[in-house]
PDB file of N, CA and C in Angstrom:
ATOM      1  N   MET A   1       0.850  -1.173   0.000  1.00  0.00           N
ATOM      2  CA  MET A   1       0.000   0.000   0.000  1.00  0.00           C
ATOM      3  C   MET A   1       0.903   1.246   0.000  1.00  0.00           C
ATOM      4  N   PRO A   2       0.617   2.219  -0.838  1.00  0.00           N
ATOM      5  CA  PRO A   2       1.432   3.437  -0.872  1.00  0.00           C
ATOM      6  C   PRO A   2       1.394   4.181   0.464  1.00  0.00           C
ATOM      7  N   ARG A   3       2.459   4.891   0.727  1.00  0.00           N
ATOM      8  CA  ARG A   3       2.573   5.617   1.993  1.00  0.00           C
ATOM      9  C   ARG A   3       1.405   6.577   2.207  1.00  0.00           C
ATOM     10  N   SER A   4       0.988   7.279   1.173  1.00  0.00           N
ATOM     11  CA  SER A   4      -0.103   8.243   1.310  1.00  0.00           C
ATOM     12  C   SER A   4      -1.420   7.552   1.673  1.00  0.00           C
ATOM     13  N   ALA A   5      -1.635   6.349   1.195  1.00  0.00           N
ATOM     14  CA  ALA A   5      -2.853   5.611   1.533  1.00  0.00           C
ATOM     15  C   ALA A   5      -2.843   5.208   3.002  1.00  0.00           C
ATOM     16  N   LYS A   6      -1.695   4.776   3.503  1.00  0.00           N
ATOM     17  CA  LYS A   6      -1.581   4.426   4.920  1.00  0.00           C
ATOM     18  C   LYS A   6      -1.846   5.644   5.789  1.00  0.00           C
ATOM     19  N   TYR A   7      -1.331   6.781   5.371  1.00  0.00           N
ATOM     20  CA  TYR A   7      -1.546   8.016   6.113  1.00  0.00           C
ATOM     21  C   TYR A   7      -3.035   8.358   6.167  1.00  0.00           C
ATOM     22  N   MET A   8      -3.719   8.271   5.036  1.00  0.00           N
ATOM     23  CA  MET A   8      -5.151   8.593   4.994  1.00  0.00           C
ATOM     24  C   MET A   8      -5.963   7.648   5.871  1.00  0.00           C
ATOM     25  N   ILE A   9      -5.615   6.375   5.889  1.00  0.00           N
ATOM     26  CA  ILE A   9      -6.313   5.417   6.746  1.00  0.00           C
ATOM     27  C   ILE A   9      -6.152   5.818   8.203  1.00  0.00           C
ATOM     28  N   ARG A  10      -4.949   6.206   8.577  1.00  0.00           N
ATOM     29  CA  ARG A  10      -4.693   6.623   9.956  1.00  0.00           C
ATOM     30  C   ARG A  10      -5.480   7.884  10.304  1.00  0.00           C
ATOM     31  N   VAL A  11      -5.511   8.839   9.390  1.00  0.00           N
ATOM     32  CA  VAL A  11      -6.245  10.088   9.620  1.00  0.00           C
ATOM     33  C   VAL A  11      -7.731   9.802   9.797  1.00  0.00           C
ATOM     34  N   ILE A  12      -8.295   8.994   8.935  1.00  0.00           N
ATOM     35  CA  ILE A  12      -9.722   8.658   9.022  1.00  0.00           C
ATOM     36  C   ILE A  12     -10.011   7.921  10.320  1.00  0.00           C
ATOM     37  N   HIS A  13      -9.156   6.992  10.694  1.00  0.00           N
ATOM     38  CA  HIS A  13      -9.333   6.242  11.936  1.00  0.00           C
ATOM     39  C   HIS A  13      -9.334   7.184  13.139  1.00  0.00           C
ATOM     40  N   ASN A  14      -8.387   8.105  13.181  1.00  0.00           N
ATOM     41  CA  ASN A  14      -8.314   9.061  14.290  1.00  0.00           C
ATOM     42  C   ASN A  14      -9.530   9.971  14.329  1.00  0.00           C
ATOM     43  N   MET A  15      -9.994  10.409  13.179  1.00  0.00           N
ATOM     44  CA  MET A  15     -11.184  11.262  13.126  1.00  0.00           C
ATOM     45  C   MET A  15     -12.411  10.521  13.638  1.00  0.00           C
ATOM     46  N   LYS A  16     -12.528   9.259  13.274  1.00  0.00           N
ATOM     47  CA  LYS A  16     -13.662   8.433  13.701  1.00  0.00           C
ATOM     48  C   LYS A  16     -13.718   8.340  15.220  1.00  0.00           C
ATOM     49  N   HIS A  17     -12.580   8.084  15.838  1.00  0.00           N
ATOM     50  CA  HIS A  17     -12.566   7.911  17.283  1.00  0.00           C
ATOM     51  C   HIS A  17     -12.607   9.239  18.027  1.00  0.00           C
ATOM     52  N   SER A  18     -12.131  10.304  17.417  1.00  0.00           N
ATOM     53  CA  SER A  18     -12.287  11.628  18.008  1.00  0.00           C
ATOM     54  C   SER A  18     -13.768  12.012  18.018  1.00  0.00           C
ATOM     55  N   ALA A  19     -14.457  11.697  16.944  1.00  0.00           N
ATOM     56  CA  ALA A  19     -15.892  11.970  16.874  1.00  0.00           C
ATOM     57  C   ALA A  19     -16.645  11.168  17.924  1.00  0.00           C
ATOM     58  N   ALA A  20     -16.241   9.924  18.139  1.00  0.00           N
ATOM     59  CA  ALA A  20     -16.890   9.085  19.141  1.00  0.00           C
ATOM     60  C   ALA A  20     -16.698   9.663  20.539  1.00  0.00           C
ATOM     61  N   THR A  21     -15.507  10.141  20.830  1.00  0.00           N
ATOM     62  CA  THR A  21     -15.243  10.746  22.134  1.00  0.00           C
ATOM     63  C   THR A  21     -16.081  12.004  22.312  1.00  0.00           C
ATOM     64  N   THR A  22     -16.188  12.806  21.263  1.00  0.00           N
ATOM     65  CA  THR A  22     -17.006  14.012  21.318  1.00  0.00           C
ATOM     66  C   THR A  22     -18.469  13.666  21.565  1.00  0.00           C
ATOM     67  N   MET A  23     -18.968  12.634  20.900  1.00  0.00           N
ATOM     68  CA  MET A  23     -20.357  12.211  21.115  1.00  0.00           C
ATOM     69  C   MET A  23     -20.571  11.761  22.555  1.00  0.00           C
ATOM     70  N   LEU A  24     -19.621  11.037  23.095  1.00  0.00           N
ATOM     71  CA  LEU A  24     -19.718  10.558  24.476  1.00  0.00           C
ATOM     72  C   LEU A  24     -19.744  11.741  25.437  1.00  0.00           C
ATOM     73  N   GLU A  25     -18.879  12.697  25.222  1.00  0.00           N
ATOM     74  CA  GLU A  25     -18.838  13.891  26.067  1.00  0.00           C
ATOM     75  C   GLU A  25     -20.118  14.712  25.952  1.00  0.00           C
ATOM     76  N   ALA A  26     -20.789  14.627  24.808  1.00  0.00           N
ATOM     77  CA  ALA A  26     -22.042  15.356  24.595  1.00  0.00           C
ATOM     78  C   ALA A  26     -23.235  14.637  25.215  1.00  0.00           C
ATOM     79  N   GLY A  27     -22.993  13.442  25.753  1.00  0.00           N
ATOM     80  CA  GLY A  27     -24.049  12.728  26.447  1.00  0.00           C
ATOM     81  C   GLY A  27     -24.772  11.663  25.633  1.00  0.00           C
ATOM     82  N   ILE A  28     -24.263  11.356  24.457  1.00  0.00           N
ATOM     83  CA  ILE A  28     -24.874  10.300  23.653  1.00  0.00           C
ATOM     84  C   ILE A  28     -24.547   8.959  24.298  1.00  0.00           C
ATOM     85  N   GLU A  29     -25.529   8.109  24.381  1.00  0.00           N
ATOM     86  CA  GLU A  29     -25.349   6.817  25.043  1.00  0.00           C
ATOM     87  C   GLU A  29     -24.330   5.958  24.299  1.00  0.00           C
ATOM     88  N   ILE A  30     -23.583   5.206  25.105  1.00  0.00           N
ATOM     89  CA  ILE A  30     -22.492   4.394  24.554  1.00  0.00           C
ATOM     90  C   ILE A  30     -22.999   3.353  23.557  1.00  0.00           C
ATOM     91  N   ASN A  31     -24.204   2.822  23.764  1.00  0.00           N
ATOM     92  CA  ASN A  31     -24.703   1.818  22.821  1.00  0.00           C
ATOM     93  C   ASN A  31     -25.006   2.428  21.450  1.00  0.00           C
ATOM     94  N   VAL A  32     -25.373   3.697  21.417  1.00  0.00           N
ATOM     95  CA  VAL A  32     -25.603   4.384  20.141  1.00  0.00           C
ATOM     96  C   VAL A  32     -24.261   4.599  19.428  1.00  0.00           C
ATOM     97  N   ILE A  33     -23.267   5.047  20.188  1.00  0.00           N
ATOM     98  CA  ILE A  33     -21.935   5.242  19.625  1.00  0.00           C
ATOM     99  C   ILE A  33     -21.379   3.912  19.127  1.00  0.00           C
ATOM    100  N   GLN A  34     -21.629   2.864  19.882  1.00  0.00           N
ATOM    101  CA  GLN A  34     -21.172   1.522  19.505  1.00  0.00           C
ATOM    102  C   GLN A  34     -21.727   1.138  18.140  1.00  0.00           C
ATOM    103  N   LYS A  35     -22.995   1.405  17.910  1.00  0.00           N
ATOM    104  CA  LYS A  35     -23.600   1.058  16.619  1.00  0.00           C
ATOM    105  C   LYS A  35     -23.016   1.900  15.493  1.00  0.00           C
ATOM    106  N   ILE A  36     -22.785   3.176  15.778  1.00  0.00           N
ATOM    107  CA  ILE A  36     -22.208   4.054  14.758  1.00  0.00           C
ATOM    108  C   ILE A  36     -20.821   3.568  14.350  1.00  0.00           C
ATOM    109  N   LEU A  37     -20.018   3.157  15.337  1.00  0.00           N
ATOM    110  CA  LEU A  37     -18.662   2.703  15.051  1.00  0.00           C
ATOM    111  C   LEU A  37     -18.618   1.305  14.454  1.00  0.00           C
ATOM    112  N   GLY A  38     -19.686   0.563  14.622  1.00  0.00           N
ATOM    113  CA  GLY A  38     -19.705  -0.793  14.107  1.00  0.00           C
ATOM    114  C   GLY A  38     -19.022  -1.785  15.021  1.00  0.00           C
ATOM    115  N   HIS A  39     -18.858  -1.431  16.297  1.00  0.00           N
ATOM    116  CA  HIS A  39     -18.247  -2.341  17.258  1.00  0.00           C
ATOM    117  C   HIS A  39     -19.336  -3.162  17.935  1.00  0.00           C
ATOM    118  N   PHE A  40     -19.016  -4.396  18.225  1.00  0.00           N
ATOM    119  CA  PHE A  40     -20.004  -5.297  18.795  1.00  0.00           C
ATOM    120  C   PHE A  40     -19.823  -5.524  20.292  1.00  0.00           C
ATOM    121  N   LYS A  41     -18.682  -5.111  20.829  1.00  0.00           N
ATOM    122  CA  LYS A  41     -18.416  -5.313  22.250  1.00  0.00           C
ATOM    123  C   LYS A  41     -18.140  -3.968  22.904  1.00  0.00           C
ATOM    124  N   TYR A  42     -18.721  -3.756  24.080  1.00  0.00           N
ATOM    125  CA  TYR A  42     -18.458  -2.519  24.810  1.00  0.00           C
ATOM    126  C   TYR A  42     -16.974  -2.366  25.119  1.00  0.00           C
ATOM    127  N   SER A  43     -16.300  -3.481  25.414  1.00  0.00           N
ATOM    128  CA  SER A  43     -14.890  -3.408  25.788  1.00  0.00           C
ATOM    129  C   SER A  43     -14.049  -2.776  24.680  1.00  0.00           C
ATOM    130  N   ILE A  44     -14.406  -2.993  23.429  1.00  0.00           N
ATOM    131  CA  ILE A  44     -13.681  -2.378  22.314  1.00  0.00           C
ATOM    132  C   ILE A  44     -13.854  -0.869  22.370  1.00  0.00           C
ATOM    133  N   ASN A  45     -15.093  -0.418  22.589  1.00  0.00           N
ATOM    134  CA  ASN A  45     -15.348   1.016  22.659  1.00  0.00           C
ATOM    135  C   ASN A  45     -14.581   1.664  23.802  1.00  0.00           C
ATOM    136  N   PHE A  46     -14.632   1.066  24.985  1.00  0.00           N
ATOM    137  CA  PHE A  46     -13.963   1.642  26.131  1.00  0.00           C
ATOM    138  C   PHE A  46     -12.455   1.690  25.936  1.00  0.00           C
ATOM    139  N   LYS A  47     -11.900   0.657  25.356  1.00  0.00           N
ATOM    140  CA  LYS A  47     -10.444   0.605  25.148  1.00  0.00           C
ATOM    141  C   LYS A  47     -10.008   1.686  24.164  1.00  0.00           C
ATOM    142  N   LYS A  48     -10.717   1.813  23.069  1.00  0.00           N
ATOM    143  CA  LYS A  48     -10.313   2.763  22.046  1.00  0.00           C
ATOM    144  C   LYS A  48     -10.583   4.208  22.434  1.00  0.00           C
ATOM    145  N   MET A  49     -11.568   4.417  23.311  1.00  0.00           N
ATOM    146  CA  MET A  49     -11.897   5.779  23.718  1.00  0.00           C
ATOM    147  C   MET A  49     -11.257   6.140  25.046  1.00  0.00           C
ATOM    148  N   ASN A  50     -10.370   5.294  25.552  1.00  0.00           N
ATOM    149  CA  ASN A  50      -9.625   5.548  26.790  1.00  0.00           C
ATOM    150  C   ASN A  50     -10.540   5.859  27.968  1.00  0.00           C
ATOM    151  N   ILE A  51     -11.538   5.019  28.127  1.00  0.00           N
ATOM    152  CA  ILE A  51     -12.472   5.182  29.245  1.00  0.00           C
ATOM    153  C   ILE A  51     -12.086   4.245  30.356  1.00  0.00           C
TER     154      ILE A  51
END
Protein backbone atom coordinates (compact mmCIF):
# COMPACT_ATOMS: atom_id res chain seq x y z
CA MET A 1 0.00 0.00 0.00
CA PRO A 2 1.43 3.44 -0.87
CA ARG A 3 2.57 5.62 1.99
CA SER A 4 -0.10 8.24 1.31
CA ALA A 5 -2.85 5.61 1.53
CA LYS A 6 -1.58 4.43 4.92
CA TYR A 7 -1.55 8.02 6.11
CA MET A 8 -5.15 8.59 4.99
CA ILE A 9 -6.31 5.42 6.75
CA ARG A 10 -4.69 6.62 9.96
CA VAL A 11 -6.25 10.09 9.62
CA ILE A 12 -9.72 8.66 9.02
CA HIS A 13 -9.33 6.24 11.94
CA ASN A 14 -8.31 9.06 14.29
CA MET A 15 -11.18 11.26 13.13
CA LYS A 16 -13.66 8.43 13.70
CA HIS A 17 -12.57 7.91 17.28
CA SER A 18 -12.29 11.63 18.01
CA ALA A 19 -15.89 11.97 16.87
CA ALA A 20 -16.89 9.09 19.14
CA THR A 21 -15.24 10.75 22.13
CA THR A 22 -17.01 14.01 21.32
CA MET A 23 -20.36 12.21 21.12
CA LEU A 24 -19.72 10.56 24.48
CA GLU A 25 -18.84 13.89 26.07
CA ALA A 26 -22.04 15.36 24.60
CA GLY A 27 -24.05 12.73 26.45
CA ILE A 28 -24.87 10.30 23.65
CA GLU A 29 -25.35 6.82 25.04
CA ILE A 30 -22.49 4.39 24.55
CA ASN A 31 -24.70 1.82 22.82
CA VAL A 32 -25.60 4.38 20.14
CA ILE A 33 -21.93 5.24 19.63
CA GLN A 34 -21.17 1.52 19.50
CA LYS A 35 -23.60 1.06 16.62
CA ILE A 36 -22.21 4.05 14.76
CA LEU A 37 -18.66 2.70 15.05
CA GLY A 38 -19.71 -0.79 14.11
CA HIS A 39 -18.25 -2.34 17.26
CA PHE A 40 -20.00 -5.30 18.80
CA LYS A 41 -18.42 -5.31 22.25
CA TYR A 42 -18.46 -2.52 24.81
CA SER A 43 -14.89 -3.41 25.79
CA ILE A 44 -13.68 -2.38 22.31
CA ASN A 45 -15.35 1.02 22.66
CA PHE A 46 -13.96 1.64 26.13
CA LYS A 47 -10.44 0.61 25.15
CA LYS A 48 -10.31 2.76 22.05
CA MET A 49 -11.90 5.78 23.72
CA ASN A 50 -9.63 5.55 26.79
CA ILE A 51 -12.47 5.18 29.25
